[in-house]
Amino acid sequence: GAISPGEVKQILSSLGFQKIAIARKDQSEQIIRAWNVGQGAENTVFSAYIRATKPLRDGGALKA
C-alpha cells in the first residue's frame, strides 16, 4: 500500500538521510491512472520524486 509523504520522510530520516524533499511529478495523475488500480486512485495517491542526502559515516568527503 501507499504511505504518506510524512511517513516516507520519517523512514528516510531514521535511516540517516537528510535534506529530504518530496515533489509531486507533473504527470502524476496520468501515471496513477495507467496503473489501472481503480477509478479515482489518482485522487488519493501521487507519483513523486524523492531526493535526499546521506552523509558518509566517517564524516569524510568523497574524492573524485
C-alpha atoms as a PDB file:
ATOM      1  CA  GLY A   1       0.000   0.000   0.000  1.00  0.00           C
ATOM      2  CA  ALA A   2       0.894   3.618  -0.245  1.00  0.00           C
ATOM      3  CA  ILE A   3       2.334   5.619   2.620  1.00  0.00           C
ATOM      4  CA  SER A   4       2.141   9.350   3.257  1.00  0.00           C
ATOM      5  CA  PRO A   5       4.943  11.776   2.403  1.00  0.00           C
ATOM      6  CA  GLY A   6       5.412  12.340   6.147  1.00  0.00           C
ATOM      7  CA  GLU A   7       5.929   8.610   6.684  1.00  0.00           C
ATOM      8  CA  VAL A   8       8.431   8.469   3.818  1.00  0.00           C
ATOM      9  CA  LYS A   9      10.372  11.356   5.383  1.00  0.00           C
ATOM     10  CA  GLN A  10      10.305   9.683   8.794  1.00  0.00           C
ATOM     11  CA  ILE A  11      11.615   6.375   7.407  1.00  0.00           C
ATOM     12  CA  LEU A  12      14.385   8.042   5.393  1.00  0.00           C
ATOM     13  CA  SER A  13      15.351  10.198   8.364  1.00  0.00           C
ATOM     14  CA  SER A  14      15.578   7.128  10.614  1.00  0.00           C
ATOM     15  CA  LEU A  15      17.966   5.613   8.041  1.00  0.00           C
ATOM     16  CA  GLY A  16      20.268   8.646   8.271  1.00  0.00           C
ATOM     17  CA  PHE A  17      19.087  10.647   5.258  1.00  0.00           C
ATOM     18  CA  GLN A  18      18.946  14.429   5.459  1.00  0.00           C
ATOM     19  CA  LYS A  19      17.609  17.272   3.314  1.00  0.00           C
ATOM     20  CA  ILE A  20      14.662  15.100   2.300  1.00  0.00           C
ATOM     21  CA  ALA A  21      12.438  16.619  -0.392  1.00  0.00           C
ATOM     22  CA  ILE A  22       9.340  15.073  -1.952  1.00  0.00           C
ATOM     23  CA  ALA A  23       7.958  16.695  -5.109  1.00  0.00           C
ATOM     24  CA  ARG A  24       4.859  15.581  -6.991  1.00  0.00           C
ATOM     25  CA  LYS A  25       5.588  14.665 -10.619  1.00  0.00           C
ATOM     26  CA  ASP A  26       3.885  16.918 -13.175  1.00  0.00           C
ATOM     27  CA  GLN A  27       2.259  13.890 -14.847  1.00  0.00           C
ATOM     28  CA  SER A  28       1.288  12.217 -11.553  1.00  0.00           C
ATOM     29  CA  GLU A  29      -2.410  11.772 -12.338  1.00  0.00           C
ATOM     30  CA  GLN A  30      -1.695  10.154 -15.713  1.00  0.00           C
ATOM     31  CA  ILE A  31       0.900   7.836 -14.144  1.00  0.00           C
ATOM     32  CA  ILE A  32      -1.541   6.660 -11.458  1.00  0.00           C
ATOM     33  CA  ARG A  33      -4.367   6.159 -13.980  1.00  0.00           C
ATOM     34  CA  ALA A  34      -2.019   3.966 -16.066  1.00  0.00           C
ATOM     35  CA  TRP A  35      -1.688   1.590 -13.105  1.00  0.00           C
ATOM     36  CA  ASN A  36      -5.348   0.585 -13.610  1.00  0.00           C
ATOM     37  CA  VAL A  37      -5.841   0.048  -9.862  1.00  0.00           C
ATOM     38  CA  GLY A  38      -9.262   1.655  -9.711  1.00  0.00           C
ATOM     39  CA  GLN A  39     -11.157   4.726 -10.739  1.00  0.00           C
ATOM     40  CA  GLY A  40     -10.191   7.789  -8.718  1.00  0.00           C
ATOM     41  CA  ALA A  41      -6.938   6.378  -7.330  1.00  0.00           C
ATOM     42  CA  GLU A  42      -5.150   9.479  -8.654  1.00  0.00           C
ATOM     43  CA  ASN A  43      -7.157  11.499  -6.109  1.00  0.00           C
ATOM     44  CA  THR A  44      -5.705   9.501  -3.217  1.00  0.00           C
ATOM     45  CA  VAL A  45      -2.086   8.793  -4.144  1.00  0.00           C
ATOM     46  CA  PHE A  46       0.517  10.542  -6.261  1.00  0.00           C
ATOM     47  CA  SER A  47       3.752   9.762  -8.035  1.00  0.00           C
ATOM     48  CA  ALA A  48       6.718  11.752  -6.766  1.00  0.00           C
ATOM     49  CA  TYR A  49      10.422  12.429  -6.999  1.00  0.00           C
ATOM     50  CA  ILE A  50      12.231  11.848  -3.719  1.00  0.00           C
ATOM     51  CA  ARG A  51      15.606  13.486  -3.128  1.00  0.00           C
ATOM     52  CA  ALA A  52      17.767  13.172  -0.039  1.00  0.00           C
ATOM     53  CA  THR A  53      21.389  13.162   1.030  1.00  0.00           C
ATOM     54  CA  LYS A  54      23.172  10.788   3.354  1.00  0.00           C
ATOM     55  CA  PRO A  55      26.433  11.868   4.992  1.00  0.00           C
ATOM     56  CA  LEU A  56      29.369   9.499   4.977  1.00  0.00           C
ATOM     57  CA  ARG A  57      29.755   7.587   8.243  1.00  0.00           C
ATOM     58  CA  ASP A  58      33.285   8.829   8.954  1.00  0.00           C
ATOM     59  CA  GLY A  59      32.413  12.426   8.147  1.00  0.00           C
ATOM     60  CA  GLY A  60      34.906  12.482   5.277  1.00  0.00           C
ATOM     61  CA  ALA A  61      34.259  13.633   1.760  1.00  0.00           C
ATOM     62  CA  LEU A  62      34.087  11.615  -1.410  1.00  0.00           C
ATOM     63  CA  LYS A  63      37.141  12.008  -3.629  1.00  0.00           C
ATOM     64  CA  ALA A  64      36.941  12.039  -7.410  1.00  0.00           C
END
